Amino acid sequence: MKQIKYSLIMISLCILTSCYTVRLRSVNGTPQPDPFSDRDDYYRGMAVVEIDTVINMKLTSKDFTYLIKESDNCESGKLNIVEYRNTFGGVLLSAITFGRKRKVKIKYVCEKP
């Protein structure tokens, strides 16, 4: 009975420590506004672009580059806020596929043009 209890505690600690969010924000510039946004979180009144995808990488590649261009979503092509979220499911997918597939959740706000 003690072993089951300790195992459950260790599994829950692993799950909780593998979930985190990193947010980077520029000191210069202002975020691109979105007057029609109805968000109540940190991004209230900002035009947020959300990406939730799985990246396929080769075993030999060490990094991945996602290009952000000038478009309707990002008029200036410059970033003001970037948020990267890591979840337990993403860590599990990466571990099972030996790092070839990575689940990515990114939110970013462009600078005002």
C-alpha atoms as a PDB file:
ATOM      1  CA  MET A   1       0.000   0.000   0.000  1.00  0.00           C
ATOM      2  CA  LYS A   2       2.888   2.370   0.798  1.00  0.00           C
ATOM      3  CA  GLN A   3       4.524   1.690  -2.556  1.00  0.00           C
ATOM      4  CA  ILE A   4       1.349   2.619  -4.428  1.00  0.00           C
ATOM      5  CA  LYS A   5       1.035   5.835  -2.435  1.00  0.00           C
ATOM      6  CA  TYR A   6       4.657   6.826  -3.100  1.00  0.00           C
ATOM      7  CA  SER A   7       4.327   5.923  -6.772  1.00  0.00           C
ATOM      8  CA  LEU A   8       1.249   8.125  -7.146  1.00  0.00           C
ATOM      9  CA  ILE A   9       3.027  11.009  -5.407  1.00  0.00           C
ATOM     10  CA  MET A  10       6.058  10.670  -7.689  1.00  0.00           C
ATOM     11  CA  ILE A  11       3.908  10.495 -10.847  1.00  0.00           C
ATOM     12  CA  SER A  12       1.905  13.575  -9.826  1.00  0.00           C
ATOM     13  CA  LEU A  13       5.121  15.494  -9.074  1.00  0.00           C
ATOM     14  CA  CYS A  14       6.487  14.603 -12.521  1.00  0.00           C
ATOM     15  CA  ILE A  15       3.262  15.750 -14.177  1.00  0.00           C
ATOM     16  CA  LEU A  16       3.188  19.047 -12.286  1.00  0.00           C
ATOM     17  CA  THR A  17       6.839  19.925 -12.849  1.00  0.00           C
ATOM     18  CA  SER A  18       6.719  19.201 -16.569  1.00  0.00           C
ATOM     19  CA  CYS A  19       4.001  21.815 -17.239  1.00  0.00           C
ATOM     20  CA  TYR A  20       5.244  25.390 -17.486  1.00  0.00           C
ATOM     21  CA  THR A  21       4.777  28.625 -19.416  1.00  0.00           C
ATOM     22  CA  VAL A  22       7.472  31.102 -20.473  1.00  0.00           C
ATOM     23  CA  ARG A  23       6.466  34.595 -21.601  1.00  0.00           C
ATOM     24  CA  LEU A  24       8.930  37.030 -23.197  1.00  0.00           C
ATOM     25  CA  ARG A  25       7.950  40.671 -23.662  1.00  0.00           C
ATOM     26  CA  SER A  26       9.770  43.526 -25.336  1.00  0.00           C
ATOM     27  CA  VAL A  27      10.296  46.718 -23.341  1.00  0.00           C
ATOM     28  CA  ASN A  28      10.224  48.857 -26.477  1.00  0.00           C
ATOM     29  CA  GLY A  29       7.176  49.144 -28.712  1.00  0.00           C
ATOM     30  CA  THR A  30       3.478  48.680 -28.089  1.00  0.00           C
ATOM     31  CA  PRO A  31       1.396  45.571 -28.755  1.00  0.00           C
ATOM     32  CA  GLN A  32      -0.912  45.461 -31.752  1.00  0.00           C
ATOM     33  CA  PRO A  33      -4.397  46.299 -30.402  1.00  0.00           C
ATOM     34  CA  ASP A  34      -7.576  44.376 -31.124  1.00  0.00           C
ATOM     35  CA  PRO A  35     -10.641  46.393 -30.081  1.00  0.00           C
ATOM     36  CA  PHE A  36     -12.966  43.438 -30.778  1.00  0.00           C
ATOM     37  CA  SER A  37     -11.107  41.076 -28.441  1.00  0.00           C
ATOM     38  CA  ASP A  38     -13.224  39.737 -25.581  1.00  0.00           C
ATOM     39  CA  ARG A  39     -10.398  38.094 -23.621  1.00  0.00           C
ATOM     40  CA  ASP A  40     -10.169  38.483 -19.844  1.00  0.00           C
ATOM     41  CA  ASP A  41      -6.620  37.194 -19.403  1.00  0.00           C
ATOM     42  CA  TYR A  42      -3.178  38.796 -19.756  1.00  0.00           C
ATOM     43  CA  TYR A  43      -3.791  39.478 -23.462  1.00  0.00           C
ATOM     44  CA  ARG A  44      -6.921  41.644 -22.974  1.00  0.00           C
ATOM     45  CA  GLY A  45      -7.250  44.122 -25.854  1.00  0.00           C
ATOM     46  CA  MET A  46      -4.345  42.653 -27.854  1.00  0.00           C
ATOM     47  CA  ALA A  47      -4.359  40.869 -31.217  1.00  0.00           C
ATOM     48  CA  VAL A  48      -3.120  37.407 -30.244  1.00  0.00           C
ATOM     49  CA  VAL A  49      -2.031  34.729 -32.722  1.00  0.00           C
ATOM     50  CA  GLU A  50      -2.126  31.181 -31.328  1.00  0.00           C
ATOM     51  CA  ILE A  51      -0.239  28.228 -32.795  1.00  0.00           C
ATOM     52  CA  ASP A  52      -0.951  24.699 -31.580  1.00  0.00           C
ATOM     53  CA  THR A  53       0.859  22.156 -33.733  1.00  0.00           C
ATOM     54  CA  VAL A  54       3.237  19.202 -33.764  1.00  0.00           C
ATOM     55  CA  ILE A  55       6.710  19.787 -35.218  1.00  0.00           C
ATOM     56  CA  ASN A  56       8.461  16.920 -36.998  1.00  0.00           C
ATOM     57  CA  MET A  57      12.238  16.981 -36.700  1.00  0.00           C
ATOM     58  CA  LYS A  58      15.042  14.667 -37.725  1.00  0.00           C
ATOM     59  CA  LEU A  59      17.186  13.033 -35.063  1.00  0.00           C
ATOM     60  CA  THR A  60      20.252  14.865 -36.370  1.00  0.00           C
ATOM     61  CA  SER A  61      18.733  18.372 -36.283  1.00  0.00           C
ATOM     62  CA  LYS A  62      19.319  20.391 -33.132  1.00  0.00           C
ATOM     63  CA  ASP A  63      16.950  23.298 -33.649  1.00  0.00           C
ATOM     64  CA  PHE A  64      13.827  24.383 -35.481  1.00  0.00           C
ATOM     65  CA  THR A  65      12.993  27.815 -36.876  1.00  0.00           C
ATOM     66  CA  TYR A  66       9.449  29.081 -37.337  1.00  0.00           C
ATOM     67  CA  LEU A  67       9.345  32.145 -39.584  1.00  0.00           C
ATOM     68  CA  ILE A  68       6.894  34.966 -38.880  1.00  0.00           C
ATOM     69  CA  LYS A  69       6.272  37.171 -41.883  1.00  0.00           C
ATOM     70  CA  GLU A  70       4.301  40.309 -42.516  1.00  0.00           C
ATOM     71  CA  SER A  71       0.687  39.187 -42.988  1.00  0.00           C
ATOM     72  CA  ASP A  72      -2.836  39.964 -41.875  1.00  0.00           C
ATOM     73  CA  ASN A  73      -2.071  38.386 -38.518  1.00  0.00           C
ATOM     74  CA  CYS A  74       1.141  40.349 -38.060  1.00  0.00           C
ATOM     75  CA  GLU A  75       1.162  43.607 -40.000  1.00  0.00           C
ATOM     76  CA  SER A  76       4.585  44.800 -38.841  1.00  0.00           C
ATOM     77  CA  GLY A  77       6.345  41.414 -38.796  1.00  0.00           C
ATOM     78  CA  LYS A  78       7.880  42.344 -35.407  1.00  0.00           C
ATOM     79  CA  LEU A  79       7.094  40.527 -32.178  1.00  0.00           C
ATOM     80  CA  ASN A  80       6.199  42.251 -28.917  1.00  0.00           C
ATOM     81  CA  ILE A  81       5.155  39.284 -26.749  1.00  0.00           C
ATOM     82  CA  VAL A  82       5.944  35.581 -27.195  1.00  0.00           C
ATOM     83  CA  GLU A  83       4.574  32.847 -24.914  1.00  0.00           C
ATOM     84  CA  TYR A  84       5.711  29.227 -25.064  1.00  0.00           C
ATOM     85  CA  ARG A  85       3.769  26.568 -23.176  1.00  0.00           C
ATOM     86  CA  ASN A  86       5.071  23.110 -22.366  1.00  0.00           C
ATOM     87  CA  THR A  87       2.702  20.382 -21.171  1.00  0.00           C
ATOM     88  CA  PHE A  88       3.060  16.854 -19.878  1.00  0.00           C
ATOM     89  CA  GLY A  89       1.549  15.523 -23.123  1.00  0.00           C
ATOM     90  CA  GLY A  90       4.225  17.356 -25.108  1.00  0.00           C
ATOM     91  CA  VAL A  91       6.990  15.927 -22.942  1.00  0.00           C
ATOM     92  CA  LEU A  92       5.535  12.417 -23.305  1.00  0.00           C
ATOM     93  CA  LEU A  93       5.251  12.733 -27.096  1.00  0.00           C
ATOM     94  CA  SER A  94       8.859  13.908 -27.320  1.00  0.00           C
ATOM     95  CA  ALA A  95      10.067  11.071 -25.076  1.00  0.00           C
ATOM     96  CA  ILE A  96       8.138   8.360 -26.943  1.00  0.00           C
ATOM     97  CA  THR A  97       9.340   9.539 -30.376  1.00  0.00           C
ATOM     98  CA  PHE A  98      12.916  10.168 -29.132  1.00  0.00           C
ATOM     99  CA  GLY A  99      12.610  13.902 -29.817  1.00  0.00           C
ATOM    100  CA  ARG A 100      11.451  13.592 -33.428  1.00  0.00           C
ATOM    101  CA  LYS A 101       7.977  15.022 -32.747  1.00  0.00           C
ATOM    102  CA  ARG A 102       7.352  17.933 -30.425  1.00  0.00           C
ATOM    103  CA  LYS A 103       4.030  19.425 -29.478  1.00  0.00           C
ATOM    104  CA  VAL A 104       4.218  23.219 -29.530  1.00  0.00           C
ATOM    105  CA  LYS A 105       1.771  25.752 -28.084  1.00  0.00           C
ATOM    106  CA  ILE A 106       2.788  29.316 -28.851  1.00  0.00           C
ATOM    107  CA  LYS A 107       0.975  32.625 -28.458  1.00  0.00           C
ATOM    108  CA  TYR A 108       2.429  35.820 -29.837  1.00  0.00           C
ATOM    109  CA  VAL A 109       1.438  39.459 -30.174  1.00  0.00           C
ATOM    110  CA  CYS A 110       2.968  41.612 -32.880  1.00  0.00           C
ATOM    111  CA  GLU A 111       4.113  45.192 -32.439  1.00  0.00           C
ATOM    112  CA  LYS A 112       1.901  48.011 -33.531  1.00  0.00           C
ATOM    113  CA  PRO A 113       2.939  49.170 -37.026  1.00  0.00           C
END
